Amino acid sequence: MTSLSHTERLNHHPLLERIFQISARNSTVRTELYAGFVTFLAMCYILAVNPAILGSIDGVDKEAVFTATALASAFATLLMGFCGNYPVMLAPGMSMNGFFKGLLASGSVALLWHEALLGIFFSGIIFVIFSLTKIRRTMIEAIPEDLKLGITVSLGLFITFLGLKNAGIIVAKPIVMVGLGDISQPQVAIAFLSLFVALGCMVRKFKLATFIAFMTSILLSLGYDMAFGTELVRLPEQIVKMPPDMTPTFGAIFNFDSLTASKMFDLFFVVILFFIIDFFDGLSTIVGVGRDAGIINEDGKVPNARAALLADAGGTVVGAVMGTTSVTSFSESGIASAQGAKTGLAAVVVGLMFLCALFFSPIFAMFSTAIVAPAMIVVGLYMIGRLGQIHWDRVESRIAVFFTMVFTVLSFSPANGMAIGFVSYAFAMLIGGKGREVHPVIYGLSALFIAYLVLL
């Protein structure tokens, strides 16, 4: 009785009610706390994956990225919980970090890593401005839904390809360009097994598939090391320690020593690319989770949309200063709503757990890009799911989405894919006599993308 009475008192606590409206949204404190805990378990892999991906870029300090990831995630998620009151959790996007690395590795832009991060910083500033004004509605209406979905699917294909490459499942071949890796190699076999375990979870509609892929890869790698004396995983000497120093990445975006006038176009291009991706990715997750949680009604209006989008935008700005790529709303937030979460209290729980994770950096630092690769593939598989929402019967959409996907993967550059997708859409609409239906923003972006492709 005492425990029950305590829970009831907590459910009707004046402060919690005033901030989160728990009773008004037909939820309970226990439900919100549990949903937050489970969701953190589902998305904590980002603390290993993000440093592993960004830390493999020349000049980027892996440990500093870990601290930046945890702090930026905590900041944005707490902001979403307290101000937006949505059960939406934020962290550096899995598609964003892969995109960022691919952009630099492919030579699509002639920028150093911290200069490219400056572009992400500016994209976050623009996102903040859009969130505070009515311009956000213009932007939402300007880009066709099929084009937005095509970008998401293309990023899913790209991050899947990157994951397959990191795992050694796909390797370079002299004549046919790419081919299947050596499955007899332990890391490749482990990646395959981890992937199929995750696929089983997806088929059974178990929502922790990404986390399961990550954990399976770790456990199998550790088991192989114990059995054969290898070092697929380097075990830490300690488990708990003070958070790693963030000095190598903190404020690096304000180092303009190598930022010449010739790089301005590339910088501007990065700003546009990451703004488009972050803006629509964040909005779609907020709307999706809001509907699942019953916060968004049948009329489609998004309550407190400004504060929710500001949390997303603010996370990107703060994250870039700290040294990580765009912070965005995580699709794993759907796990929280599936567990019954309807308020920002669940997000606050996740934000606090990110802060606690700062003291366990040795655990997350021991994972290589090969170990986290299966999780990347699963994320890509989830993103591919939006293919079915595209109107393939519309020839203009079919052309644009096809070219976006093909050029993203085959040129190993989401930037190239997005550029050709926008240009081909505007061209197809003009030739089809539907030019007046295209928003001027599309024509402006197409002109910018043509200049990018010519100067590439």
Protein backbone atom coordinates (compact mmCIF):
# COMPACT_ATOMS: atom_id res chain seq x y z
CA MET A 1 0.00 0.00 0.00
CA THR A 2 2.85 2.38 0.88
CA SER A 3 4.52 1.85 -2.49
CA LEU A 4 1.22 2.35 -4.32
CA SER A 5 0.44 5.51 -2.38
CA HIS A 6 3.90 6.88 -3.13
CA THR A 7 3.41 6.20 -6.86
CA GLU A 8 0.00 7.88 -6.81
CA ARG A 9 1.47 10.94 -5.07
CA LEU A 10 4.22 11.09 -7.67
CA ASN A 11 1.69 10.87 -10.51
CA HIS A 12 -0.09 13.96 -9.17
CA HIS A 13 3.00 15.91 -8.11
CA PRO A 14 2.21 19.61 -8.83
CA LEU A 15 5.62 20.36 -10.39
CA LEU A 16 5.56 17.32 -12.69
CA GLU A 17 1.96 18.05 -13.65
CA ARG A 18 2.71 21.68 -14.46
CA ILE A 19 5.76 20.82 -16.61
CA PHE A 20 4.68 17.58 -18.30
CA GLN A 21 0.85 17.42 -18.00
CA ILE A 22 1.13 13.70 -17.21
CA SER A 23 -2.47 13.18 -16.07
CA ALA A 24 -3.88 15.34 -18.87
CA ARG A 25 -2.17 13.07 -21.40
CA ASN A 26 -3.38 9.90 -19.66
CA SER A 27 0.08 8.69 -18.65
CA THR A 28 1.85 7.88 -15.37
CA VAL A 29 5.26 8.69 -13.96
CA ARG A 30 6.17 4.99 -13.84
CA THR A 31 5.28 4.57 -17.53
CA GLU A 32 7.36 7.59 -18.53
CA LEU A 33 10.39 6.48 -16.47
CA TYR A 34 10.29 2.94 -17.83
CA ALA A 35 9.82 4.12 -21.43
CA GLY A 36 12.76 6.49 -21.08
CA PHE A 37 15.02 3.77 -19.68
CA VAL A 38 14.16 1.28 -22.44
CA THR A 39 14.62 3.91 -25.14
CA PHE A 40 18.06 4.84 -23.82
CA LEU A 41 19.09 1.18 -24.03
CA ALA A 42 17.87 1.16 -27.63
CA MET A 43 19.82 4.23 -28.70
CA CYS A 44 22.92 4.25 -26.46
CA TYR A 45 24.83 2.56 -29.31
CA ILE A 46 25.28 6.08 -30.72
CA LEU A 47 27.85 6.68 -27.95
CA ALA A 48 30.01 3.99 -29.57
CA VAL A 49 29.04 4.40 -33.23
CA ASN A 50 29.41 8.17 -33.57
CA PRO A 51 32.96 8.33 -32.12
CA ALA A 52 33.92 5.25 -34.17
CA ILE A 53 32.75 6.86 -37.44
CA LEU A 54 33.88 10.44 -36.86
CA GLY A 55 37.03 9.33 -35.03
CA SER A 56 38.16 7.50 -38.17
CA ILE A 57 38.42 10.84 -40.01
CA ASP A 58 41.96 12.25 -40.12
CA GLY A 59 42.47 14.84 -37.39
CA VAL A 60 39.36 14.00 -35.34
CA ASP A 61 39.91 12.89 -31.74
CA LYS A 62 37.70 9.86 -30.98
CA GLU A 63 37.51 10.42 -27.22
CA ALA A 64 36.61 14.09 -27.64
CA VAL A 65 33.79 13.07 -30.01
CA PHE A 66 32.45 10.72 -27.33
CA THR A 67 32.12 13.58 -24.84
CA ALA A 68 30.64 15.85 -27.51
CA THR A 69 28.12 13.15 -28.45
CA ALA A 70 26.97 12.56 -24.87
CA LEU A 71 26.72 16.26 -23.97
CA ALA A 72 25.01 17.34 -27.20
CA SER A 73 22.53 14.45 -26.91
CA ALA A 74 21.79 15.29 -23.28
CA PHE A 75 21.35 19.00 -24.01
CA ALA A 76 18.98 18.51 -26.95
CA THR A 77 16.97 15.71 -25.33
CA LEU A 78 16.52 17.64 -22.06
CA LEU A 79 15.47 20.70 -24.06
CA MET A 80 12.93 18.59 -25.95
CA GLY A 81 11.62 17.11 -22.70
CA PHE A 82 11.29 20.31 -20.69
CA CYS A 83 10.32 22.76 -23.45
CA GLY A 84 8.74 20.64 -26.18
CA ASN A 85 7.13 18.10 -23.83
CA TYR A 86 7.46 15.35 -26.44
CA PRO A 87 8.74 11.80 -25.76
CA VAL A 88 11.32 12.42 -28.48
CA MET A 89 15.02 11.73 -27.91
CA LEU A 90 17.84 13.36 -29.83
CA ALA A 91 21.46 12.50 -30.66
CA PRO A 92 23.87 12.89 -33.59
CA GLY A 93 22.05 11.29 -36.52
CA MET A 94 23.29 7.96 -37.82
CA SER A 95 22.70 9.11 -41.39
CA MET A 96 24.39 12.45 -40.67
CA ASN A 97 27.70 11.05 -39.41
CA GLY A 98 27.97 8.59 -42.30
CA PHE A 99 27.06 11.35 -44.75
CA PHE A 100 29.65 13.67 -43.19
CA LYS A 101 32.43 11.09 -43.43
CA GLY A 102 31.46 10.15 -46.98
CA LEU A 103 31.38 13.81 -48.01
CA LEU A 104 34.95 14.32 -46.84
CA ALA A 105 36.27 10.93 -47.97
CA SER A 106 34.83 11.23 -51.48
CA GLY A 107 36.37 14.64 -52.05
CA SER A 108 32.95 16.12 -52.85
CA VAL A 109 33.98 19.20 -50.89
CA ALA A 110 37.46 20.66 -50.42
CA LEU A 111 37.01 21.27 -46.70
CA LEU A 112 38.83 20.12 -43.59
CA TRP A 113 36.71 18.31 -40.99
CA HIS A 114 36.30 21.34 -38.72
CA GLU A 115 35.41 23.55 -41.69
CA ALA A 116 32.69 21.12 -42.73
CA LEU A 117 31.43 21.17 -39.12
CA LEU A 118 31.24 24.97 -39.40
CA GLY A 119 28.80 24.40 -42.26
CA ILE A 120 26.70 22.21 -39.97
CA PHE A 121 26.83 24.97 -37.33
CA PHE A 122 25.43 27.48 -39.82
CA SER A 123 22.78 24.97 -40.93
CA GLY A 124 21.69 24.77 -37.29
CA ILE A 125 21.49 28.56 -37.05
CA ILE A 126 19.25 28.64 -40.13
CA PHE A 127 17.17 25.86 -38.58
CA VAL A 128 16.75 27.99 -35.43
CA ILE A 129 15.60 30.99 -37.50
CA PHE A 130 13.15 28.85 -39.46
CA SER A 131 11.80 27.36 -36.22
CA LEU A 132 11.12 30.83 -34.76
CA THR A 133 9.36 32.19 -37.85
CA LYS A 134 6.67 31.22 -40.33
CA ILE A 135 9.37 30.45 -42.93
CA ARG A 136 9.32 26.86 -41.72
CA ARG A 137 5.85 26.41 -43.23
CA THR A 138 7.09 27.75 -46.59
CA MET A 139 10.01 25.32 -46.52
CA ILE A 140 7.75 22.39 -45.62
CA GLU A 141 5.42 23.19 -48.50
CA ALA A 142 8.17 23.97 -51.05
CA ILE A 143 9.79 20.54 -51.34
CA PRO A 144 7.51 17.72 -52.58
CA GLU A 145 6.95 14.83 -50.19
CA ASP A 146 8.32 12.31 -52.71
CA LEU A 147 11.58 14.22 -52.94
CA LYS A 148 11.90 14.31 -49.13
CA LEU A 149 11.26 10.56 -48.97
CA GLY A 150 13.77 9.96 -51.76
CA ILE A 151 16.47 11.78 -49.79
CA THR A 152 15.73 9.69 -46.70
CA VAL A 153 15.81 6.43 -48.67
CA SER A 154 19.06 7.46 -50.38
CA LEU A 155 20.71 8.18 -47.05
CA GLY A 156 19.51 4.76 -45.88
CA LEU A 157 21.16 3.11 -48.88
CA PHE A 158 24.33 5.10 -48.31
CA ILE A 159 24.65 4.24 -44.62
CA THR A 160 23.91 0.59 -45.46
CA PHE A 161 26.68 0.56 -48.06
CA LEU A 162 29.05 2.22 -45.58
CA GLY A 163 28.15 -0.37 -42.93
CA LEU A 164 28.68 -3.26 -45.38
CA LYS A 165 32.05 -1.76 -46.34
CA ASN A 166 33.16 -1.24 -42.72
CA ALA A 167 32.19 -4.82 -41.86
CA GLY A 168 34.18 -6.22 -44.80
CA ILE A 169 31.02 -7.74 -46.30
CA ILE A 170 31.49 -5.57 -49.41
CA VAL A 171 35.06 -5.00 -50.62
CA ALA A 172 36.77 -3.30 -53.55
CA LYS A 173 37.45 -5.45 -56.64
CA PRO A 174 39.86 -4.43 -59.43
CA ILE A 175 37.66 -5.30 -62.41
CA VAL A 176 34.05 -5.35 -61.18
CA MET A 177 34.64 -2.47 -58.70
CA VAL A 178 32.97 -4.12 -55.70
CA GLY A 179 32.26 -7.67 -54.58
CA LEU A 180 31.52 -9.90 -51.62
CA GLY A 181 34.15 -10.10 -48.90
CA ASP A 182 35.70 -13.22 -47.43
CA ILE A 183 32.97 -14.71 -45.21
CA SER A 184 35.53 -17.02 -43.60
CA GLN A 185 37.11 -13.99 -41.91
CA PRO A 186 35.85 -13.77 -38.30
CA GLN A 187 34.80 -10.10 -38.41
CA VAL A 188 32.82 -10.62 -41.62
CA ALA A 189 31.12 -13.76 -40.31
CA ILE A 190 30.26 -12.01 -37.03
CA ALA A 191 28.77 -9.07 -38.93
CA PHE A 192 26.61 -11.45 -40.98
CA LEU A 193 25.42 -13.33 -37.90
CA SER A 194 24.67 -10.11 -36.02
CA LEU A 195 22.77 -8.78 -38.99
CA PHE A 196 20.58 -11.87 -39.27
CA VAL A 197 19.84 -11.82 -35.54
CA ALA A 198 18.65 -8.24 -36.00
CA LEU A 199 16.60 -9.22 -39.06
CA GLY A 200 14.88 -11.86 -36.95
CA CYS A 201 14.02 -9.17 -34.40
CA MET A 202 12.59 -6.97 -37.13
CA VAL A 203 10.46 -9.77 -38.55
CA ARG A 204 9.12 -10.49 -35.06
CA LYS A 205 8.48 -6.72 -34.68
CA PHE A 206 10.89 -6.40 -31.77
CA LYS A 207 11.74 -2.69 -31.67
CA LEU A 208 15.25 -3.04 -30.25
CA ALA A 209 16.69 -4.48 -33.49
CA THR A 210 19.45 -1.86 -33.84
CA PHE A 211 20.55 -2.30 -30.24
CA ILE A 212 20.39 -6.11 -30.59
CA ALA A 213 22.59 -5.96 -33.73
CA PHE A 214 25.11 -3.87 -31.82
CA MET A 215 25.13 -6.11 -28.74
CA THR A 216 25.28 -9.36 -30.77
CA SER A 217 28.32 -8.07 -32.66
CA ILE A 218 30.03 -7.16 -29.37
CA LEU A 219 29.29 -10.48 -27.64
CA LEU A 220 30.31 -12.61 -30.62
CA SER A 221 33.53 -10.61 -31.02
CA LEU A 222 34.35 -11.01 -27.33
CA GLY A 223 33.55 -14.74 -27.53
CA TYR A 224 35.84 -15.18 -30.53
CA ASP A 225 38.65 -13.32 -28.76
CA MET A 226 38.34 -15.59 -25.72
CA ALA A 227 38.29 -18.75 -27.85
CA PHE A 228 41.10 -17.91 -30.28
CA GLY A 229 43.20 -15.30 -28.50
CA THR A 230 42.52 -12.54 -31.04
CA GLU A 231 41.87 -8.84 -30.35
CA LEU A 232 38.73 -7.97 -32.25
CA VAL A 233 37.72 -6.01 -29.15
CA ARG A 234 40.28 -4.21 -27.03
CA LEU A 235 39.07 -4.49 -23.46
CA PRO A 236 39.46 -1.32 -21.36
CA GLU A 237 41.74 -1.23 -18.34
CA GLN A 238 39.05 0.56 -16.35
CA ILE A 239 35.29 0.93 -16.64
CA VAL A 240 34.62 4.21 -14.86
CA LYS A 241 36.66 7.37 -15.31
CA MET A 242 36.23 11.11 -15.67
CA PRO A 243 34.79 12.26 -19.04
CA PRO A 244 37.43 12.55 -21.79
CA ASP A 245 38.82 15.99 -22.59
CA MET A 246 36.83 17.71 -25.33
CA THR A 247 39.53 20.31 -26.11
CA PRO A 248 40.63 18.75 -29.46
CA THR A 249 37.16 19.29 -30.98
CA PHE A 250 35.51 21.98 -28.82
CA GLY A 251 35.39 25.26 -30.74
CA ALA A 252 37.45 23.82 -33.60
CA ILE A 253 34.85 25.20 -36.05
CA PHE A 254 36.10 28.71 -35.27
CA ASN A 255 39.59 27.92 -36.58
CA PHE A 256 39.59 29.84 -39.87
CA ASP A 257 43.31 29.53 -40.66
CA SER A 258 42.75 27.32 -43.72
CA LEU A 259 39.31 28.59 -44.71
CA THR A 260 40.08 30.44 -47.94
CA ALA A 261 37.71 32.26 -50.29
CA SER A 262 37.90 29.35 -52.73
CA LYS A 263 36.19 27.13 -50.14
CA MET A 264 33.17 29.39 -49.60
CA PHE A 265 31.00 27.65 -52.19
CA ASP A 266 31.72 24.23 -50.67
CA LEU A 267 30.93 25.61 -47.22
CA PHE A 268 27.65 27.09 -48.46
CA PHE A 269 26.79 23.79 -50.12
CA VAL A 270 27.34 21.89 -46.85
CA VAL A 271 25.06 24.36 -45.06
CA ILE A 272 22.22 23.79 -47.56
CA LEU A 273 22.61 20.01 -47.63
CA PHE A 274 22.64 19.48 -43.88
CA PHE A 275 19.86 21.98 -43.28
CA ILE A 276 17.50 20.21 -45.68
CA ILE A 277 18.28 16.78 -44.21
CA ASP A 278 18.14 17.85 -40.56
CA PHE A 279 14.99 19.97 -40.94
CA PHE A 280 12.82 17.33 -42.57
CA ASP A 281 14.30 14.39 -40.67
CA GLY A 282 13.58 16.07 -37.35
CA LEU A 283 10.11 17.19 -38.38
CA SER A 284 9.08 13.74 -39.64
CA THR A 285 10.19 12.03 -36.40
CA ILE A 286 8.43 14.58 -34.19
CA VAL A 287 5.21 14.21 -36.20
CA GLY A 288 5.45 10.39 -36.29
CA VAL A 289 6.09 9.99 -32.56
CA GLY A 290 3.53 12.69 -31.75
CA ARG A 291 0.87 10.74 -33.63
CA ASP A 292 1.82 7.46 -31.97
CA ALA A 293 1.64 9.09 -28.54
CA GLY A 294 -1.72 10.71 -29.29
CA ILE A 295 -0.30 14.23 -28.90
CA ILE A 296 -1.13 15.17 -32.49
CA ASN A 297 -4.84 15.02 -33.22
CA GLU A 298 -6.63 13.97 -36.39
CA ASP A 299 -6.49 17.57 -37.68
CA GLY A 300 -2.72 17.12 -38.01
CA LYS A 301 -1.76 20.18 -35.96
CA VAL A 302 1.51 19.83 -34.07
CA PRO A 303 1.23 21.29 -30.54
CA ASN A 304 4.26 23.24 -29.37
CA ALA A 305 5.95 22.67 -32.74
CA ARG A 306 8.20 25.71 -32.35
CA ALA A 307 9.76 24.47 -29.09
CA ALA A 308 10.15 20.92 -30.42
CA LEU A 309 11.93 22.08 -33.58
CA LEU A 310 14.06 24.49 -31.55
CA ALA A 311 15.34 21.58 -29.46
CA ASP A 312 16.39 19.84 -32.67
CA ALA A 313 17.99 22.97 -34.12
CA GLY A 314 19.64 23.97 -30.85
CA GLY A 315 21.15 20.52 -30.50
CA THR A 316 22.78 20.86 -33.92
CA VAL A 317 24.26 24.27 -33.08
CA VAL A 318 25.64 23.14 -29.71
CA GLY A 319 26.82 19.80 -31.11
CA ALA A 320 28.79 21.46 -33.91
CA VAL A 321 30.56 23.73 -31.41
CA MET A 322 31.44 20.70 -29.29
CA GLY A 323 32.66 18.68 -32.27
CA THR A 324 29.93 16.40 -33.59
CA THR A 325 27.61 16.27 -36.58
CA SER A 326 23.94 17.30 -36.74
CA VAL A 327 21.83 16.33 -33.73
CA THR A 328 18.42 15.11 -34.78
CA SER A 329 15.31 13.38 -33.43
CA PHE A 330 15.94 9.63 -33.25
CA SER A 331 13.53 7.14 -34.80
CA GLU A 332 14.08 4.99 -31.68
CA SER A 333 11.83 7.51 -29.95
CA GLY A 334 9.02 5.38 -31.35
CA ILE A 335 9.98 2.78 -28.74
CA ALA A 336 9.06 5.26 -25.99
CA SER A 337 5.62 5.94 -27.46
CA ALA A 338 5.12 2.19 -27.97
CA GLN A 339 5.77 1.72 -24.23
CA GLY A 340 3.06 4.26 -23.44
CA ALA A 341 5.14 7.45 -23.06
CA LYS A 342 3.16 10.59 -23.87
CA THR A 343 5.19 13.39 -22.28
CA GLY A 344 8.64 14.92 -22.19
CA LEU A 345 9.42 13.20 -18.88
CA ALA A 346 10.60 10.15 -20.83
CA ALA A 347 12.98 12.41 -22.79
CA VAL A 348 14.30 13.92 -19.54
CA VAL A 349 15.14 10.41 -18.29
CA VAL A 350 17.12 9.71 -21.48
CA GLY A 351 18.90 13.08 -21.26
CA LEU A 352 20.01 12.39 -17.68
CA MET A 353 21.23 8.92 -18.67
CA PHE A 354 23.37 10.45 -21.43
CA LEU A 355 24.99 12.60 -18.74
CA CYS A 356 25.63 9.54 -16.58
CA ALA A 357 27.17 7.74 -19.58
CA LEU A 358 29.94 10.37 -19.67
CA PHE A 359 31.66 8.50 -16.85
CA PHE A 360 31.69 5.17 -18.73
CA SER A 361 33.69 6.24 -21.79
CA PRO A 362 36.14 3.27 -21.63
CA ILE A 363 33.26 0.86 -22.37
CA PHE A 364 32.12 2.77 -25.46
CA ALA A 365 35.67 3.53 -26.67
CA MET A 366 36.59 -0.12 -27.23
CA PHE A 367 34.36 -0.60 -30.28
CA SER A 368 35.71 -0.35 -33.83
CA THR A 369 33.82 0.66 -36.99
CA ALA A 370 33.63 -3.06 -37.94
CA ILE A 371 31.85 -3.94 -34.68
CA VAL A 372 29.28 -1.16 -35.03
CA ALA A 373 28.73 -1.86 -38.75
CA PRO A 374 25.72 -4.23 -38.30
CA ALA A 375 23.88 -1.48 -36.41
CA MET A 376 24.50 0.90 -39.31
CA ILE A 377 23.06 -1.63 -41.78
CA VAL A 378 19.92 -2.06 -39.66
CA VAL A 379 19.41 1.72 -39.47
CA GLY A 380 19.68 1.83 -43.25
CA LEU A 381 17.12 -0.93 -43.53
CA TYR A 382 14.66 1.05 -41.41
CA MET A 383 15.16 4.15 -43.57
CA ILE A 384 14.53 2.14 -46.75
CA GLY A 385 11.01 1.41 -45.45
CA ARG A 386 9.82 4.77 -46.76
CA LEU A 387 10.16 3.56 -50.34
CA GLY A 388 6.57 2.32 -50.20
CA GLN A 389 5.28 5.83 -49.44
CA ILE A 390 6.64 7.26 -52.70
CA HIS A 391 4.19 7.82 -55.56
CA TRP A 392 5.93 5.71 -58.19
CA ASP A 393 3.07 6.25 -60.64
CA ARG A 394 4.14 9.90 -60.97
CA VAL A 395 6.89 9.88 -63.57
CA GLU A 396 8.51 13.08 -62.24
CA SER A 397 8.84 11.57 -58.77
CA ARG A 398 10.06 8.28 -60.19
CA ILE A 399 12.85 10.00 -62.15
CA ALA A 400 13.97 12.21 -59.28
CA VAL A 401 13.95 9.49 -56.61
CA PHE A 402 15.68 6.99 -58.91
CA PHE A 403 18.53 9.36 -59.73
CA THR A 404 18.85 10.45 -56.08
CA MET A 405 19.26 6.82 -54.96
CA VAL A 406 21.53 5.69 -57.81
CA PHE A 407 23.95 8.60 -57.71
CA THR A 408 24.10 8.60 -53.90
CA VAL A 409 25.36 5.01 -53.83
CA LEU A 410 27.33 4.73 -57.08
CA SER A 411 29.19 8.02 -56.66
CA PHE A 412 29.53 7.36 -52.90
CA SER A 413 28.14 10.81 -52.20
CA PRO A 414 24.68 11.75 -50.88
CA ALA A 415 25.48 15.29 -51.99
CA ASN A 416 25.74 14.20 -55.63
CA GLY A 417 22.54 12.17 -55.32
CA MET A 418 20.57 15.04 -53.82
CA ALA A 419 21.90 17.49 -56.42
CA ILE A 420 20.94 15.34 -59.40
CA GLY A 421 17.61 14.45 -57.78
CA PHE A 422 16.56 18.10 -57.45
CA VAL A 423 17.78 19.05 -60.92
CA SER A 424 16.08 16.07 -62.60
CA TYR A 425 12.80 16.81 -60.78
CA ALA A 426 12.74 20.45 -61.92
CA PHE A 427 13.67 19.38 -65.47
CA ALA A 428 10.97 16.67 -65.62
CA MET A 429 8.29 19.06 -64.34
CA LEU A 430 9.26 21.72 -66.89
CA ILE A 431 9.30 19.29 -69.82
CA GLY A 432 5.98 17.81 -68.65
CA GLY A 433 4.34 21.24 -68.77
CA LYS A 434 4.00 21.41 -64.99
CA GLY A 435 6.64 24.07 -64.37
CA ARG A 436 4.21 26.41 -62.61
CA GLU A 437 3.50 23.74 -60.00
CA VAL A 438 7.13 23.81 -58.88
CA HIS A 439 7.92 26.12 -55.97
CA PRO A 440 10.55 28.81 -56.68
CA VAL A 441 12.67 27.34 -53.87
CA ILE A 442 13.11 24.18 -55.96
CA TYR A 443 14.36 26.19 -58.94
CA GLY A 444 16.73 28.14 -56.73
CA LEU A 445 18.15 24.97 -55.18
CA SER A 446 18.40 23.34 -58.62
CA ALA A 447 20.47 26.27 -59.90
CA LEU A 448 22.74 25.95 -56.87
CA PHE A 449 23.11 22.20 -57.40
CA ILE A 450 23.96 22.68 -61.10
CA ALA A 451 26.74 25.07 -60.09
CA TYR A 452 27.97 22.50 -57.56
CA LEU A 453 28.04 19.70 -60.16
CA VAL A 454 29.87 21.89 -62.71
CA LEU A 455 32.49 23.00 -60.19
CA LEU A 456 32.89 19.52 -58.66
